Amino acid sequence: MKVGDRVRVIKSVIVYHHPENKGKPFDVKDREGEVVAIVHEWQGRPVSANLPVFVQFDKKFKGHFREDELETLN
């Protein structure tokens, strides 16, 4: 998986920051987006992020995921 890949969420992942459902549980399973970053460092220092894959779904909604929660689309 690399920056620019199209991905789909394959596991049930509940988020509370979806723009149309702020503060309410929202399952992002089966949503598609684009990988915009893979977090390996922060402010120039290496980190071991728990949710390293940063995905943008639409203009207002982004989220962090583990690689096993996503599948790459062709």
Protein backbone atom coordinates (compact mmCIF):
# COMPACT_ATOMS: atom_id res chain seq x y z
CA MET A 1 0.00 0.00 0.00
CA LYS A 2 1.36 3.40 -0.96
CA VAL A 3 0.32 7.05 -1.21
CA GLY A 4 -2.12 7.54 -4.09
CA ASP A 5 -3.66 4.04 -3.93
CA ARG A 6 -7.45 3.71 -4.02
CA VAL A 7 -8.63 1.67 -1.02
CA ARG A 8 -11.84 0.29 0.48
CA VAL A 9 -12.54 -0.27 4.17
CA ILE A 10 -13.18 -4.01 4.57
CA LYS A 11 -13.80 -4.21 8.32
CA SER A 12 -16.40 -2.52 10.47
CA VAL A 13 -14.75 0.66 11.79
CA ILE A 14 -16.83 3.06 13.89
CA VAL A 15 -15.85 6.75 13.79
CA TYR A 16 -17.37 9.73 15.58
CA HIS A 17 -15.94 12.51 13.39
CA HIS A 18 -17.85 11.98 10.13
CA PRO A 19 -18.99 15.47 8.98
CA GLU A 20 -22.65 14.49 8.51
CA ASN A 21 -22.84 12.52 11.79
CA LYS A 22 -20.69 14.51 14.25
CA GLY A 23 -20.59 12.94 17.68
CA LYS A 24 -22.65 9.93 16.58
CA PRO A 25 -21.29 6.48 15.70
CA PHE A 26 -20.80 6.00 11.95
CA ASP A 27 -19.54 2.78 10.34
CA VAL A 28 -17.17 3.41 7.40
CA LYS A 29 -17.16 -0.21 6.18
CA ASP A 30 -17.28 -0.43 2.34
CA ARG A 31 -16.40 3.25 1.85
CA GLU A 32 -13.72 4.01 -0.74
CA GLY A 33 -10.99 6.64 -0.58
CA GLU A 34 -7.41 7.48 -1.44
CA VAL A 35 -4.30 6.98 0.68
CA VAL A 36 -2.86 10.46 1.30
CA ALA A 37 -0.10 9.50 3.78
CA ILE A 38 1.51 6.62 5.61
CA VAL A 39 2.68 7.89 8.98
CA HIS A 40 6.25 6.84 9.84
CA GLU A 41 7.55 10.02 11.43
CA TRP A 42 6.26 13.11 13.21
CA GLN A 43 8.19 16.38 13.35
CA GLY A 44 11.21 14.60 11.90
CA ARG A 45 11.29 11.84 14.50
CA PRO A 46 10.32 8.21 13.80
CA VAL A 47 7.05 7.02 15.33
CA SER A 48 5.22 3.70 15.47
CA ALA A 49 1.67 4.86 14.79
CA ASN A 50 -1.18 2.54 15.79
CA LEU A 51 -3.22 3.70 12.77
CA PRO A 52 -0.56 4.59 10.18
CA VAL A 53 -2.60 4.76 6.95
CA PHE A 54 -4.25 8.17 6.42
CA VAL A 55 -7.15 7.98 3.95
CA GLN A 56 -9.21 10.80 2.40
CA PHE A 57 -12.75 9.75 1.46
CA ASP A 58 -14.13 13.07 0.28
CA LYS A 59 -13.36 16.76 0.62
CA LYS A 60 -14.41 16.93 4.29
CA PHE A 61 -13.72 13.44 5.63
CA LYS A 62 -10.36 11.78 6.36
CA GLY A 63 -9.39 9.03 8.76
CA HIS A 64 -6.51 6.93 10.08
CA PHE A 65 -6.61 3.14 9.64
CA ARG A 66 -4.54 -0.02 10.06
CA GLU A 67 -3.48 -1.82 6.89
CA ASP A 68 -5.57 -4.87 7.76
CA GLU A 69 -8.74 -2.73 7.75
CA LEU A 70 -8.22 -1.75 4.10
CA GLU A 71 -7.97 -3.43 0.71
CA THR A 72 -6.28 -1.92 -2.34
CA LEU A 73 -8.51 -1.44 -5.40
CA ASN A 74 -7.32 -1.87 -8.98
